[in-house]
Amino acid sequence: MLLSWLFGRRVHRQRPDLHVQLYTRRGCHLCEDAWTTLDEARQCHGFTLETVDIDTSAELVAQYGTCVPVVTVNGKVRFRGTVNRVLLQRLLDARPAAG
């Protein structure tokens, strides 16, 4: 971290251990905003990012309804409605789980 401070750049921890899913639907402007935020973070941290259109599955529509976007990280719901950039950065900076 000292080197990043000296050179005015932040060294980003690579997180290939994280799989992020964005549950979305067409025409959702909040989903587009969430995608932009997540894609920017993915480019820096190297995690897997995929979208899931809930309208392709009756089960997903029943589960999420109009409450999109929903973001899961390794299967755990982390964000609903919006992606909080500060909390996302904390998640990305955390040490990977052992095991």
PDB file of N, CA and C in Angstrom:
ATOM      1  N   MET A   1       0.806  -1.187   0.000  1.00  0.00           N
ATOM      2  CA  MET A   1       0.000   0.000   0.000  1.00  0.00           C
ATOM      3  C   MET A   1       0.857   1.262   0.000  1.00  0.00           C
ATOM      4  N   LEU A   2       2.035   1.190   0.597  1.00  0.00           N
ATOM      5  CA  LEU A   2       2.920   2.338   0.614  1.00  0.00           C
ATOM      6  C   LEU A   2       3.305   2.747  -0.798  1.00  0.00           C
ATOM      7  N   LEU A   3       3.611   1.766  -1.632  1.00  0.00           N
ATOM      8  CA  LEU A   3       3.973   2.073  -3.017  1.00  0.00           C
ATOM      9  C   LEU A   3       2.824   2.733  -3.761  1.00  0.00           C
ATOM     10  N   SER A   4       1.605   2.254  -3.535  1.00  0.00           N
ATOM     11  CA  SER A   4       0.466   2.869  -4.215  1.00  0.00           C
ATOM     12  C   SER A   4       0.291   4.312  -3.768  1.00  0.00           C
ATOM     13  N   TRP A   5       0.546   4.597  -2.503  1.00  0.00           N
ATOM     14  CA  TRP A   5       0.449   5.967  -2.017  1.00  0.00           C
ATOM     15  C   TRP A   5       1.547   6.836  -2.644  1.00  0.00           C
ATOM     16  N   LEU A   6       2.765   6.304  -2.731  1.00  0.00           N
ATOM     17  CA  LEU A   6       3.871   7.060  -3.294  1.00  0.00           C
ATOM     18  C   LEU A   6       3.644   7.424  -4.747  1.00  0.00           C
ATOM     19  N   PHE A   7       3.071   6.519  -5.490  1.00  0.00           N
ATOM     20  CA  PHE A   7       2.888   6.746  -6.916  1.00  0.00           C
ATOM     21  C   PHE A   7       1.507   7.279  -7.264  1.00  0.00           C
ATOM     22  N   GLY A   8       0.679   7.514  -6.259  1.00  0.00           N
ATOM     23  CA  GLY A   8      -0.630   8.116  -6.493  1.00  0.00           C
ATOM     24  C   GLY A   8      -1.632   7.175  -7.143  1.00  0.00           C
ATOM     25  N   ARG A   9      -1.355   5.906  -7.089  1.00  0.00           N
ATOM     26  CA  ARG A   9      -2.276   4.918  -7.664  1.00  0.00           C
ATOM     27  C   ARG A   9      -2.639   3.894  -6.619  1.00  0.00           C
ATOM     28  N   ARG A  10      -3.783   3.376  -6.774  1.00  0.00           N
ATOM     29  CA  ARG A  10      -4.220   2.318  -5.881  1.00  0.00           C
ATOM     30  C   ARG A  10      -3.939   0.972  -6.525  1.00  0.00           C
ATOM     31  N   VAL A  11      -3.346   0.073  -5.765  1.00  0.00           N
ATOM     32  CA  VAL A  11      -3.103  -1.281  -6.245  1.00  0.00           C
ATOM     33  C   VAL A  11      -4.351  -2.086  -5.914  1.00  0.00           C
ATOM     34  N   HIS A  12      -4.986  -2.625  -6.928  1.00  0.00           N
ATOM     35  CA  HIS A  12      -6.238  -3.353  -6.719  1.00  0.00           C
ATOM     36  C   HIS A  12      -5.966  -4.834  -6.501  1.00  0.00           C
ATOM     37  N   ARG A  13      -6.582  -5.355  -5.467  1.00  0.00           N
ATOM     38  CA  ARG A  13      -6.491  -6.785  -5.186  1.00  0.00           C
ATOM     39  C   ARG A  13      -7.297  -7.547  -6.238  1.00  0.00           C
ATOM     40  N   GLN A  14      -6.691  -8.518  -6.861  1.00  0.00           N
ATOM     41  CA  GLN A  14      -7.400  -9.343  -7.831  1.00  0.00           C
ATOM     42  C   GLN A  14      -8.263 -10.342  -7.084  1.00  0.00           C
ATOM     43  N   ARG A  15      -9.491 -10.530  -7.536  1.00  0.00           N
ATOM     44  CA  ARG A  15     -10.454 -11.390  -6.852  1.00  0.00           C
ATOM     45  C   ARG A  15     -11.093 -12.415  -7.781  1.00  0.00           C
ATOM     46  N   PRO A  16     -10.289 -13.290  -8.390  1.00  0.00           N
ATOM     47  CA  PRO A  16     -10.872 -14.320  -9.250  1.00  0.00           C
ATOM     48  C   PRO A  16     -11.714 -15.332  -8.467  1.00  0.00           C
ATOM     49  N   ASP A  17     -11.627 -15.299  -7.134  1.00  0.00           N
ATOM     50  CA  ASP A  17     -12.418 -16.192  -6.283  1.00  0.00           C
ATOM     51  C   ASP A  17     -13.870 -15.751  -6.170  1.00  0.00           C
ATOM     52  N   LEU A  18     -14.201 -14.562  -6.657  1.00  0.00           N
ATOM     53  CA  LEU A  18     -15.568 -14.050  -6.533  1.00  0.00           C
ATOM     54  C   LEU A  18     -16.351 -14.231  -7.827  1.00  0.00           C
ATOM     55  N   HIS A  19     -17.581 -14.718  -7.675  1.00  0.00           N
ATOM     56  CA  HIS A  19     -18.513 -14.841  -8.799  1.00  0.00           C
ATOM     57  C   HIS A  19     -19.711 -13.947  -8.478  1.00  0.00           C
ATOM     58  N   VAL A  20     -19.887 -12.904  -9.282  1.00  0.00           N
ATOM     59  CA  VAL A  20     -20.939 -11.923  -9.054  1.00  0.00           C
ATOM     60  C   VAL A  20     -22.031 -12.112 -10.101  1.00  0.00           C
ATOM     61  N   GLN A  21     -23.268 -12.194  -9.637  1.00  0.00           N
ATOM     62  CA  GLN A  21     -24.415 -12.293 -10.540  1.00  0.00           C
ATOM     63  C   GLN A  21     -25.316 -11.089 -10.316  1.00  0.00           C
ATOM     64  N   LEU A  22     -25.727 -10.495 -11.424  1.00  0.00           N
ATOM     65  CA  LEU A  22     -26.652  -9.369 -11.397  1.00  0.00           C
ATOM     66  C   LEU A  22     -27.984  -9.855 -11.953  1.00  0.00           C
ATOM     67  N   TYR A  23     -28.980  -9.938 -11.082  1.00  0.00           N
ATOM     68  CA  TYR A  23     -30.328 -10.324 -11.511  1.00  0.00           C
ATOM     69  C   TYR A  23     -31.017  -9.062 -11.996  1.00  0.00           C
ATOM     70  N   THR A  24     -31.516  -9.116 -13.213  1.00  0.00           N
ATOM     71  CA  THR A  24     -31.995  -7.923 -13.900  1.00  0.00           C
ATOM     72  C   THR A  24     -33.211  -8.247 -14.753  1.00  0.00           C
ATOM     73  N   ARG A  25     -33.723  -7.225 -15.404  1.00  0.00           N
ATOM     74  CA  ARG A  25     -34.747  -7.401 -16.438  1.00  0.00           C
ATOM     75  C   ARG A  25     -34.603  -6.254 -17.427  1.00  0.00           C
ATOM     76  N   ARG A  26     -35.102  -6.475 -18.624  1.00  0.00           N
ATOM     77  CA  ARG A  26     -35.007  -5.449 -19.671  1.00  0.00           C
ATOM     78  C   ARG A  26     -35.716  -4.176 -19.273  1.00  0.00           C
ATOM     79  N   GLY A  27     -35.116  -3.037 -19.664  1.00  0.00           N
ATOM     80  CA  GLY A  27     -35.743  -1.744 -19.429  1.00  0.00           C
ATOM     81  C   GLY A  27     -35.571  -1.211 -18.023  1.00  0.00           C
ATOM     82  N   CYS A  28     -34.755  -1.855 -17.226  1.00  0.00           N
ATOM     83  CA  CYS A  28     -34.556  -1.431 -15.838  1.00  0.00           C
ATOM     84  C   CYS A  28     -33.345  -0.497 -15.771  1.00  0.00           C
ATOM     85  N   HIS A  29     -33.593   0.798 -15.552  1.00  0.00           N
ATOM     86  CA  HIS A  29     -32.482   1.750 -15.511  1.00  0.00           C
ATOM     87  C   HIS A  29     -31.595   1.542 -14.284  1.00  0.00           C
ATOM     88  N   LEU A  30     -32.165   1.109 -13.176  1.00  0.00           N
ATOM     89  CA  LEU A  30     -31.347   0.805 -12.000  1.00  0.00           C
ATOM     90  C   LEU A  30     -30.416  -0.370 -12.273  1.00  0.00           C
ATOM     91  N   CYS A  31     -30.898  -1.321 -13.072  1.00  0.00           N
ATOM     92  CA  CYS A  31     -30.072  -2.477 -13.446  1.00  0.00           C
ATOM     93  C   CYS A  31     -28.899  -2.033 -14.317  1.00  0.00           C
ATOM     94  N   GLU A  32     -29.156  -1.100 -15.209  1.00  0.00           N
ATOM     95  CA  GLU A  32     -28.083  -0.570 -16.057  1.00  0.00           C
ATOM     96  C   GLU A  32     -27.032   0.144 -15.218  1.00  0.00           C
ATOM     97  N   ASP A  33     -27.468   0.910 -14.231  1.00  0.00           N
ATOM     98  CA  ASP A  33     -26.534   1.593 -13.333  1.00  0.00           C
ATOM     99  C   ASP A  33     -25.708   0.587 -12.537  1.00  0.00           C
ATOM    100  N   ALA A  34     -26.375  -0.454 -12.041  1.00  0.00           N
ATOM    101  CA  ALA A  34     -25.676  -1.488 -11.275  1.00  0.00           C
ATOM    102  C   ALA A  34     -24.638  -2.187 -12.154  1.00  0.00           C
ATOM    103  N   TRP A  35     -25.007  -2.493 -13.406  1.00  0.00           N
ATOM    104  CA  TRP A  35     -24.075  -3.139 -14.332  1.00  0.00           C
ATOM    105  C   TRP A  35     -22.836  -2.260 -14.540  1.00  0.00           C
ATOM    106  N   THR A  36     -23.029  -0.974 -14.740  1.00  0.00           N
ATOM    107  CA  THR A  36     -21.907  -0.067 -14.956  1.00  0.00           C
ATOM    108  C   THR A  36     -20.958  -0.079 -13.764  1.00  0.00           C
ATOM    109  N   THR A  37     -21.515   0.021 -12.574  1.00  0.00           N
ATOM    110  CA  THR A  37     -20.706   0.009 -11.353  1.00  0.00           C
ATOM    111  C   THR A  37     -19.944  -1.301 -11.213  1.00  0.00           C
ATOM    112  N   LEU A  38     -20.640  -2.418 -11.419  1.00  0.00           N
ATOM    113  CA  LEU A  38     -20.002  -3.724 -11.268  1.00  0.00           C
ATOM    114  C   LEU A  38     -18.962  -3.982 -12.346  1.00  0.00           C
ATOM    115  N   ASP A  39     -19.241  -3.562 -13.569  1.00  0.00           N
ATOM    116  CA  ASP A  39     -18.299  -3.790 -14.660  1.00  0.00           C
ATOM    117  C   ASP A  39     -17.013  -2.987 -14.450  1.00  0.00           C
ATOM    118  N   GLU A  40     -17.135  -1.766 -13.951  1.00  0.00           N
ATOM    119  CA  GLU A  40     -15.939  -0.970 -13.636  1.00  0.00           C
ATOM    120  C   GLU A  40     -15.099  -1.673 -12.576  1.00  0.00           C
ATOM    121  N   ALA A  41     -15.755  -2.190 -11.555  1.00  0.00           N
ATOM    122  CA  ALA A  41     -15.042  -2.902 -10.489  1.00  0.00           C
ATOM    123  C   ALA A  41     -14.430  -4.196 -11.020  1.00  0.00           C
ATOM    124  N   ARG A  42     -15.143  -4.896 -11.900  1.00  0.00           N
ATOM    125  CA  ARG A  42     -14.633  -6.140 -12.481  1.00  0.00           C
ATOM    126  C   ARG A  42     -13.344  -5.897 -13.259  1.00  0.00           C
ATOM    127  N   GLN A  43     -13.296  -4.797 -13.991  1.00  0.00           N
ATOM    128  CA  GLN A  43     -12.112  -4.485 -14.781  1.00  0.00           C
ATOM    129  C   GLN A  43     -10.887  -4.274 -13.894  1.00  0.00           C
ATOM    130  N   CYS A  44     -11.090  -3.761 -12.706  1.00  0.00           N
ATOM    131  CA  CYS A  44      -9.976  -3.535 -11.768  1.00  0.00           C
ATOM    132  C   CYS A  44      -9.624  -4.772 -10.951  1.00  0.00           C
ATOM    133  N   HIS A  45     -10.641  -5.577 -10.607  1.00  0.00           N
ATOM    134  CA  HIS A  45     -10.429  -6.656  -9.645  1.00  0.00           C
ATOM    135  C   HIS A  45     -10.489  -8.065 -10.242  1.00  0.00           C
ATOM    136  N   GLY A  46     -10.911  -8.200 -11.465  1.00  0.00           N
ATOM    137  CA  GLY A  46     -10.855  -9.489 -12.147  1.00  0.00           C
ATOM    138  C   GLY A  46     -11.800 -10.562 -11.648  1.00  0.00           C
ATOM    139  N   PHE A  47     -12.922 -10.191 -11.066  1.00  0.00           N
ATOM    140  CA  PHE A  47     -13.893 -11.213 -10.664  1.00  0.00           C
ATOM    141  C   PHE A  47     -14.801 -11.572 -11.836  1.00  0.00           C
ATOM    142  N   THR A  48     -15.517 -12.671 -11.698  1.00  0.00           N
ATOM    143  CA  THR A  48     -16.468 -13.106 -12.720  1.00  0.00           C
ATOM    144  C   THR A  48     -17.772 -12.340 -12.530  1.00  0.00           C
ATOM    145  N   LEU A  49     -18.323 -11.826 -13.626  1.00  0.00           N
ATOM    146  CA  LEU A  49     -19.568 -11.061 -13.573  1.00  0.00           C
ATOM    147  C   LEU A  49     -20.502 -11.558 -14.651  1.00  0.00           C
ATOM    148  N   GLU A  50     -21.712 -11.885 -14.258  1.00  0.00           N
ATOM    149  CA  GLU A  50     -22.710 -12.297 -15.246  1.00  0.00           C
ATOM    150  C   GLU A  50     -24.068 -11.718 -14.893  1.00  0.00           C
ATOM    151  N   THR A  51     -24.886 -11.564 -15.922  1.00  0.00           N
ATOM    152  CA  THR A  51     -26.251 -11.095 -15.703  1.00  0.00           C
ATOM    153  C   THR A  51     -27.212 -12.257 -15.874  1.00  0.00           C
ATOM    154  N   VAL A  52     -28.295 -12.184 -15.142  1.00  0.00           N
ATOM    155  CA  VAL A  52     -29.365 -13.170 -15.238  1.00  0.00           C
ATOM    156  C   VAL A  52     -30.658 -12.398 -15.417  1.00  0.00           C
ATOM    157  N   ASP A  53     -31.319 -12.582 -16.558  1.00  0.00           N
ATOM    158  CA  ASP A  53     -32.599 -11.925 -16.823  1.00  0.00           C
ATOM    159  C   ASP A  53     -33.683 -12.732 -16.114  1.00  0.00           C
ATOM    160  N   ILE A  54     -34.285 -12.146 -15.095  1.00  0.00           N
ATOM    161  CA  ILE A  54     -35.262 -12.902 -14.307  1.00  0.00           C
ATOM    162  C   ILE A  54     -36.499 -13.276 -15.121  1.00  0.00           C
ATOM    163  N   ASP A  55     -36.769 -12.532 -16.197  1.00  0.00           N
ATOM    164  CA  ASP A  55     -37.958 -12.821 -16.997  1.00  0.00           C
ATOM    165  C   ASP A  55     -37.834 -14.100 -17.815  1.00  0.00           C
ATOM    166  N   THR A  56     -36.668 -14.745 -17.780  1.00  0.00           N
ATOM    167  CA  THR A  56     -36.503 -16.018 -18.494  1.00  0.00           C
ATOM    168  C   THR A  56     -36.946 -17.204 -17.660  1.00  0.00           C
ATOM    169  N   SER A  57     -37.336 -16.954 -16.406  1.00  0.00           N
ATOM    170  CA  SER A  57     -37.705 -18.045 -15.512  1.00  0.00           C
ATOM    171  C   SER A  57     -38.833 -17.613 -14.587  1.00  0.00           C
ATOM    172  N   ALA A  58     -39.912 -18.381 -14.594  1.00  0.00           N
ATOM    173  CA  ALA A  58     -41.043 -18.080 -13.702  1.00  0.00           C
ATOM    174  C   ALA A  58     -40.599 -18.145 -12.239  1.00  0.00           C
ATOM    175  N   GLU A  59     -39.682 -19.035 -11.935  1.00  0.00           N
ATOM    176  CA  GLU A  59     -39.169 -19.165 -10.566  1.00  0.00           C
ATOM    177  C   GLU A  59     -38.426 -17.894 -10.136  1.00  0.00           C
ATOM    178  N   LEU A  60     -37.612 -17.344 -11.037  1.00  0.00           N
ATOM    179  CA  LEU A  60     -36.880 -16.115 -10.711  1.00  0.00           C
ATOM    180  C   LEU A  60     -37.822 -14.917 -10.588  1.00  0.00           C
ATOM    181  N   VAL A  61     -38.835 -14.858 -11.443  1.00  0.00           N
ATOM    182  CA  VAL A  61     -39.831 -13.783 -11.348  1.00  0.00           C
ATOM    183  C   VAL A  61     -40.538 -13.867 -10.003  1.00  0.00           C
ATOM    184  N   ALA A  62     -40.887 -15.084  -9.583  1.00  0.00           N
ATOM    185  CA  ALA A  62     -41.546 -15.258  -8.284  1.00  0.00           C
ATOM    186  C   ALA A  62     -40.617 -14.861  -7.140  1.00  0.00           C
ATOM    187  N   GLN A  63     -39.324 -15.156  -7.298  1.00  0.00           N
ATOM    188  CA  GLN A  63     -38.366 -14.871  -6.245  1.00  0.00           C
ATOM    189  C   GLN A  63     -38.042 -13.383  -6.124  1.00  0.00           C
ATOM    190  N   TYR A  64     -37.839 -12.708  -7.276  1.00  0.00           N
ATOM    191  CA  TYR A  64     -37.382 -11.322  -7.249  1.00  0.00           C
ATOM    192  C   TYR A  64     -38.442 -10.295  -7.628  1.00  0.00           C
ATOM    193  N   GLY A  65     -39.459 -10.709  -8.391  1.00  0.00           N
ATOM    194  CA  GLY A  65     -40.546  -9.807  -8.767  1.00  0.00           C
ATOM    195  C   GLY A  65     -40.045  -8.498  -9.344  1.00  0.00           C
ATOM    196  N   THR A  66     -40.455  -7.395  -8.730  1.00  0.00           N
ATOM    197  CA  THR A  66     -40.019  -6.076  -9.200  1.00  0.00           C
ATOM    198  C   THR A  66     -38.836  -5.550  -8.401  1.00  0.00           C
ATOM    199  N   CYS A  67     -38.261  -6.392  -7.576  1.00  0.00           N
ATOM    200  CA  CYS A  67     -37.145  -5.970  -6.707  1.00  0.00           C
ATOM    201  C   CYS A  67     -35.789  -6.189  -7.374  1.00  0.00           C
ATOM    202  N   VAL A  68     -35.625  -5.692  -8.575  1.00  0.00           N
ATOM    203  CA  VAL A  68     -34.336  -5.778  -9.245  1.00  0.00           C
ATOM    204  C   VAL A  68     -33.761  -4.376  -9.355  1.00  0.00           C
ATOM    205  N   PRO A  69     -32.475  -4.228  -9.417  1.00  0.00           N
ATOM    206  CA  PRO A  69     -31.488  -5.288  -9.503  1.00  0.00           C
ATOM    207  C   PRO A  69     -31.202  -5.930  -8.144  1.00  0.00           C
ATOM    208  N   VAL A  70     -30.778  -7.172  -8.221  1.00  0.00           N
ATOM    209  CA  VAL A  70     -30.286  -7.894  -7.053  1.00  0.00           C
ATOM    210  C   VAL A  70     -28.907  -8.399  -7.429  1.00  0.00           C
ATOM    211  N   VAL A  71     -27.948  -8.212  -6.541  1.00  0.00           N
ATOM    212  CA  VAL A  71     -26.579  -8.646  -6.796  1.00  0.00           C
ATOM    213  C   VAL A  71     -26.203  -9.696  -5.765  1.00  0.00           C
ATOM    214  N   THR A  72     -25.753 -10.847  -6.261  1.00  0.00           N
ATOM    215  CA  THR A  72     -25.236 -11.869  -5.365  1.00  0.00           C
ATOM    216  C   THR A  72     -23.736 -12.007  -5.593  1.00  0.00           C
ATOM    217  N   VAL A  73     -23.045 -12.328  -4.520  1.00  0.00           N
ATOM    218  CA  VAL A  73     -21.613 -12.602  -4.585  1.00  0.00           C
ATOM    219  C   VAL A  73     -21.409 -13.990  -4.000  1.00  0.00           C
ATOM    220  N   ASN A  74     -20.929 -14.886  -4.856  1.00  0.00           N
ATOM    221  CA  ASN A  74     -20.761 -16.291  -4.464  1.00  0.00           C
ATOM    222  C   ASN A  74     -22.050 -16.853  -3.860  1.00  0.00           C
ATOM    223  N   GLY A  75     -23.183 -16.484  -4.459  1.00  0.00           N
ATOM    224  CA  GLY A  75     -24.474 -17.023  -4.063  1.00  0.00           C
ATOM    225  C   GLY A  75     -25.178 -16.293  -2.936  1.00  0.00           C
ATOM    226  N   LYS A  76     -24.534 -15.324  -2.316  1.00  0.00           N
ATOM    227  CA  LYS A  76     -25.143 -14.595  -1.200  1.00  0.00           C
ATOM    228  C   LYS A  76     -25.599 -13.214  -1.670  1.00  0.00           C
ATOM    229  N   VAL A  77     -26.848 -12.855  -1.381  1.00  0.00           N
ATOM    230  CA  VAL A  77     -27.363 -11.544  -1.769  1.00  0.00           C
ATOM    231  C   VAL A  77     -26.588 -10.473  -1.011  1.00  0.00           C
ATOM    232  N   ARG A  78     -26.012  -9.528  -1.775  1.00  0.00           N
ATOM    233  CA  ARG A  78     -25.231  -8.438  -1.185  1.00  0.00           C
ATOM    234  C   ARG A  78     -25.857  -7.070  -1.415  1.00  0.00           C
ATOM    235  N   PHE A  79     -26.572  -6.903  -2.538  1.00  0.00           N
ATOM    236  CA  PHE A  79     -27.182  -5.607  -2.849  1.00  0.00           C
ATOM    237  C   PHE A  79     -28.553  -5.810  -3.464  1.00  0.00           C
ATOM    238  N   ARG A  80     -29.463  -4.895  -3.138  1.00  0.00           N
ATOM    239  CA  ARG A  80     -30.796  -4.846  -3.753  1.00  0.00           C
ATOM    240  C   ARG A  80     -31.071  -3.394  -4.115  1.00  0.00           C
ATOM    241  N   GLY A  81     -31.560  -3.186  -5.333  1.00  0.00           N
ATOM    242  CA  GLY A  81     -31.932  -1.828  -5.754  1.00  0.00           C
ATOM    243  C   GLY A  81     -30.782  -1.018  -6.298  1.00  0.00           C
ATOM    244  N   THR A  82     -29.743  -0.843  -5.521  1.00  0.00           N
ATOM    245  CA  THR A  82     -28.550  -0.119  -5.969  1.00  0.00           C
ATOM    246  C   THR A  82     -27.317  -0.830  -5.420  1.00  0.00           C
ATOM    247  N   VAL A  83     -26.190  -0.545  -6.039  1.00  0.00           N
ATOM    248  CA  VAL A  83     -24.916  -1.076  -5.562  1.00  0.00           C
ATOM    249  C   VAL A  83     -24.201   0.059  -4.836  1.00  0.00           C
ATOM    250  N   ASN A  84     -23.989  -0.115  -3.561  1.00  0.00           N
ATOM    251  CA  ASN A  84     -23.275   0.869  -2.763  1.00  0.00           C
ATOM    252  C   ASN A  84     -21.780   0.702  -3.048  1.00  0.00           C
ATOM    253  N   ARG A  85     -21.172   1.713  -3.653  1.00  0.00           N
ATOM    254  CA  ARG A  85     -19.762   1.620  -4.070  1.00  0.00           C
ATOM    255  C   ARG A  85     -18.810   1.410  -2.885  1.00  0.00           C
ATOM    256  N   VAL A  86     -19.093   2.030  -1.762  1.00  0.00           N
ATOM    257  CA  VAL A  86     -18.225   1.884  -0.590  1.00  0.00           C
ATOM    258  C   VAL A  86     -18.280   0.447  -0.075  1.00  0.00           C
ATOM    259  N   LEU A  87     -19.482  -0.093   0.054  1.00  0.00           N
ATOM    260  CA  LEU A  87     -19.613  -1.470   0.531  1.00  0.00           C
ATOM    261  C   LEU A  87     -19.032  -2.463  -0.473  1.00  0.00           C
ATOM    262  N   LEU A  88     -19.201  -2.185  -1.769  1.00  0.00           N
ATOM    263  CA  LEU A  88     -18.613  -3.047  -2.788  1.00  0.00           C
ATOM    264  C   LEU A  88     -17.093  -3.043  -2.660  1.00  0.00           C
ATOM    265  N   GLN A  89     -16.502  -1.873  -2.470  1.00  0.00           N
ATOM    266  CA  GLN A  89     -15.047  -1.804  -2.345  1.00  0.00           C
ATOM    267  C   GLN A  89     -14.559  -2.545  -1.104  1.00  0.00           C
ATOM    268  N   ARG A  90     -15.292  -2.439  -0.012  1.00  0.00           N
ATOM    269  CA  ARG A  90     -14.923  -3.180   1.206  1.00  0.00           C
ATOM    270  C   ARG A  90     -14.962  -4.681   0.954  1.00  0.00           C
ATOM    271  N   LEU A  91     -15.965  -5.114   0.242  1.00  0.00           N
ATOM    272  CA  LEU A  91     -16.089  -6.532  -0.083  1.00  0.00           C
ATOM    273  C   LEU A  91     -14.906  -6.989  -0.941  1.00  0.00           C
ATOM    274  N   LEU A  92     -14.530  -6.165  -1.900  1.00  0.00           N
ATOM    275  CA  LEU A  92     -13.430  -6.521  -2.789  1.00  0.00           C
ATOM    276  C   LEU A  92     -12.073  -6.463  -2.085  1.00  0.00           C
ATOM    277  N   ASP A  93     -11.943  -5.590  -1.102  1.00  0.00           N
ATOM    278  CA  ASP A  93     -10.687  -5.466  -0.362  1.00  0.00           C
ATOM    279  C   ASP A  93     -10.517  -6.529   0.720  1.00  0.00           C
ATOM    280  N   ALA A  94     -11.612  -7.194   1.095  1.00  0.00           N
ATOM    281  CA  ALA A  94     -11.556  -8.205   2.156  1.00  0.00           C
ATOM    282  C   ALA A  94     -10.690  -9.382   1.718  1.00  0.00           C
ATOM    283  N   ARG A  95     -10.126 -10.030   2.684  1.00  0.00           N
ATOM    284  CA  ARG A  95      -9.317 -11.218   2.382  1.00  0.00           C
ATOM    285  C   ARG A  95     -10.223 -12.333   1.881  1.00  0.00           C
ATOM    286  N   PRO A  96      -9.754 -13.085   0.885  1.00  0.00           N
ATOM    287  CA  PRO A  96     -10.538 -14.224   0.415  1.00  0.00           C
ATOM    288  C   PRO A  96     -10.735 -15.233   1.545  1.00  0.00           C
ATOM    289  N   ALA A  97     -11.895 -15.876   1.556  1.00  0.00           N
ATOM    290  CA  ALA A  97     -12.183 -16.886   2.575  1.00  0.00           C
ATOM    291  C   ALA A  97     -11.270 -18.087   2.379  1.00  0.00           C
ATOM    292  N   ALA A  98     -10.789 -18.626   3.460  1.00  0.00           N
ATOM    293  CA  ALA A  98      -9.928 -19.815   3.398  1.00  0.00           C
ATOM    294  C   ALA A  98     -10.761 -21.029   3.044  1.00  0.00           C
ATOM    295  N   GLY A  99     -10.145 -21.927   2.310  1.00  0.00           N
ATOM    296  CA  GLY A  99     -10.860 -23.170   2.038  1.00  0.00           C
ATOM    297  C   GLY A  99     -11.093 -23.366   0.666  1.00  0.00           C
TER     298      GLY A  99
END
